[in-house]
Amino acid sequence: MKTLEDLGPSKLQLHEQELIREAADTLIFAAGPEEASAALRDIEALAEHLTASGRWTPERTDELVRDLLACGPVAPVA
């Protein structure tokens, strides 16, 4: 959420901010990687779009992806 606070309205469109929030929520509450797969695909697609459009540098999108992946399950929850 820190990334959104720092960049939010100035660097991301509203629907992009919402996608990031939804992906983070999904990753936080996912019991395992299979539950997180759609969110991971959305994150990857957004990162590719931001880089391909020239709006963000590859380094900045990598940082966003790392931040979001940190929300996800690292091991199955029993």
C-alpha atoms as a PDB file:
ATOM      1  CA  MET A   1       0.000   0.000   0.000  1.00  0.00           C
ATOM      2  CA  LYS A   2       3.007   2.249   0.506  1.00  0.00           C
ATOM      3  CA  THR A   3       3.681   2.131  -3.234  1.00  0.00           C
ATOM      4  CA  LEU A   4       0.120   3.235  -3.945  1.00  0.00           C
ATOM      5  CA  GLU A   5       0.378   6.057  -1.431  1.00  0.00           C
ATOM      6  CA  ASP A   6       3.656   7.227  -2.956  1.00  0.00           C
ATOM      7  CA  LEU A   7       2.632   6.951  -6.611  1.00  0.00           C
ATOM      8  CA  GLY A   8      -1.120   6.514  -6.683  1.00  0.00           C
ATOM      9  CA  PRO A   9      -2.935   9.253  -8.542  1.00  0.00           C
ATOM     10  CA  SER A  10       0.155  10.730 -10.191  1.00  0.00           C
ATOM     11  CA  LYS A  11       1.400   7.526 -11.841  1.00  0.00           C
ATOM     12  CA  LEU A  12      -1.503   5.074 -11.890  1.00  0.00           C
ATOM     13  CA  GLN A  13      -4.995   5.298 -13.278  1.00  0.00           C
ATOM     14  CA  LEU A  14      -7.844   4.578 -10.875  1.00  0.00           C
ATOM     15  CA  HIS A  15      -8.572   1.140 -12.354  1.00  0.00           C
ATOM     16  CA  GLU A  16      -4.865   0.251 -12.070  1.00  0.00           C
ATOM     17  CA  GLN A  17      -4.851   1.252  -8.405  1.00  0.00           C
ATOM     18  CA  GLU A  18      -7.941  -0.880  -7.805  1.00  0.00           C
ATOM     19  CA  LEU A  19      -6.359  -3.861  -9.578  1.00  0.00           C
ATOM     20  CA  ILE A  20      -3.285  -3.568  -7.354  1.00  0.00           C
ATOM     21  CA  ARG A  21      -5.393  -3.385  -4.190  1.00  0.00           C
ATOM     22  CA  GLU A  22      -7.484  -6.379  -5.244  1.00  0.00           C
ATOM     23  CA  ALA A  23      -4.384  -8.394  -6.156  1.00  0.00           C
ATOM     24  CA  ALA A  24      -2.754  -7.583  -2.810  1.00  0.00           C
ATOM     25  CA  ASP A  25      -5.902  -8.610  -0.921  1.00  0.00           C
ATOM     26  CA  THR A  26      -6.140 -11.836  -2.891  1.00  0.00           C
ATOM     27  CA  LEU A  27      -2.487 -12.656  -2.237  1.00  0.00           C
ATOM     28  CA  ILE A  28      -2.735 -11.846   1.464  1.00  0.00           C
ATOM     29  CA  PHE A  29      -5.723 -14.119   1.995  1.00  0.00           C
ATOM     30  CA  ALA A  30      -4.826 -16.915  -0.451  1.00  0.00           C
ATOM     31  CA  ALA A  31      -4.271 -20.303   1.148  1.00  0.00           C
ATOM     32  CA  GLY A  32      -1.820 -21.283  -1.562  1.00  0.00           C
ATOM     33  CA  PRO A  33      -0.382 -20.449  -4.974  1.00  0.00           C
ATOM     34  CA  GLU A  34      -3.337 -21.935  -6.853  1.00  0.00           C
ATOM     35  CA  GLU A  35      -5.706 -19.456  -5.195  1.00  0.00           C
ATOM     36  CA  ALA A  36      -3.362 -16.614  -6.085  1.00  0.00           C
ATOM     37  CA  SER A  37      -2.816 -17.507  -9.759  1.00  0.00           C
ATOM     38  CA  ALA A  38      -5.357 -15.052 -11.240  1.00  0.00           C
ATOM     39  CA  ALA A  39      -3.977 -12.193  -9.145  1.00  0.00           C
ATOM     40  CA  LEU A  40      -0.444 -13.088 -10.252  1.00  0.00           C
ATOM     41  CA  ARG A  41      -1.516 -13.013 -13.905  1.00  0.00           C
ATOM     42  CA  ASP A  42      -3.163  -9.600 -13.386  1.00  0.00           C
ATOM     43  CA  ILE A  43      -0.016  -8.245 -11.754  1.00  0.00           C
ATOM     44  CA  GLU A  44       2.165  -9.516 -14.590  1.00  0.00           C
ATOM     45  CA  ALA A  45      -0.152  -8.040 -17.235  1.00  0.00           C
ATOM     46  CA  LEU A  46      -0.204  -4.660 -15.491  1.00  0.00           C
ATOM     47  CA  ALA A  47       3.583  -4.632 -15.142  1.00  0.00           C
ATOM     48  CA  GLU A  48       4.003  -5.446 -18.830  1.00  0.00           C
ATOM     49  CA  HIS A  49       1.522  -2.713 -19.799  1.00  0.00           C
ATOM     50  CA  LEU A  50       3.183  -0.068 -17.628  1.00  0.00           C
ATOM     51  CA  THR A  51       6.608  -0.884 -19.064  1.00  0.00           C
ATOM     52  CA  ALA A  52       5.521  -1.318 -22.699  1.00  0.00           C
ATOM     53  CA  SER A  53       3.636   1.974 -22.665  1.00  0.00           C
ATOM     54  CA  GLY A  54       6.726   3.772 -21.374  1.00  0.00           C
ATOM     55  CA  ARG A  55       4.873   5.065 -18.333  1.00  0.00           C
ATOM     56  CA  TRP A  56       7.122   3.175 -15.914  1.00  0.00           C
ATOM     57  CA  THR A  57      10.691   1.960 -16.097  1.00  0.00           C
ATOM     58  CA  PRO A  58      11.364  -1.775 -15.880  1.00  0.00           C
ATOM     59  CA  GLU A  59      13.030  -1.173 -12.511  1.00  0.00           C
ATOM     60  CA  ARG A  60       9.938   0.535 -11.118  1.00  0.00           C
ATOM     61  CA  THR A  61       7.608  -2.191 -12.337  1.00  0.00           C
ATOM     62  CA  ASP A  62       9.943  -4.811 -10.847  1.00  0.00           C
ATOM     63  CA  GLU A  63       9.664  -3.000  -7.519  1.00  0.00           C
ATOM     64  CA  LEU A  64       5.861  -3.006  -7.740  1.00  0.00           C
ATOM     65  CA  VAL A  65       5.818  -6.723  -8.577  1.00  0.00           C
ATOM     66  CA  ARG A  66       8.182  -7.498  -5.677  1.00  0.00           C
ATOM     67  CA  ASP A  67       5.975  -5.511  -3.305  1.00  0.00           C
ATOM     68  CA  LEU A  68       2.895  -7.413  -4.437  1.00  0.00           C
ATOM     69  CA  LEU A  69       4.551 -10.819  -4.382  1.00  0.00           C
ATOM     70  CA  ALA A  70       5.554 -10.127  -0.793  1.00  0.00           C
ATOM     71  CA  CYS A  71       1.820 -10.152   0.030  1.00  0.00           C
ATOM     72  CA  GLY A  72       1.393 -13.708  -1.219  1.00  0.00           C
ATOM     73  CA  PRO A  73       1.593 -17.075   0.400  1.00  0.00           C
ATOM     74  CA  VAL A  74       5.142 -18.391   0.519  1.00  0.00           C
ATOM     75  CA  ALA A  75       4.045 -21.815   1.696  1.00  0.00           C
ATOM     76  CA  PRO A  76       0.696 -23.556   1.838  1.00  0.00           C
ATOM     77  CA  VAL A  77      -1.301 -22.636   4.904  1.00  0.00           C
ATOM     78  CA  ALA A  78      -2.616 -25.621   6.849  1.00  0.00           C
END
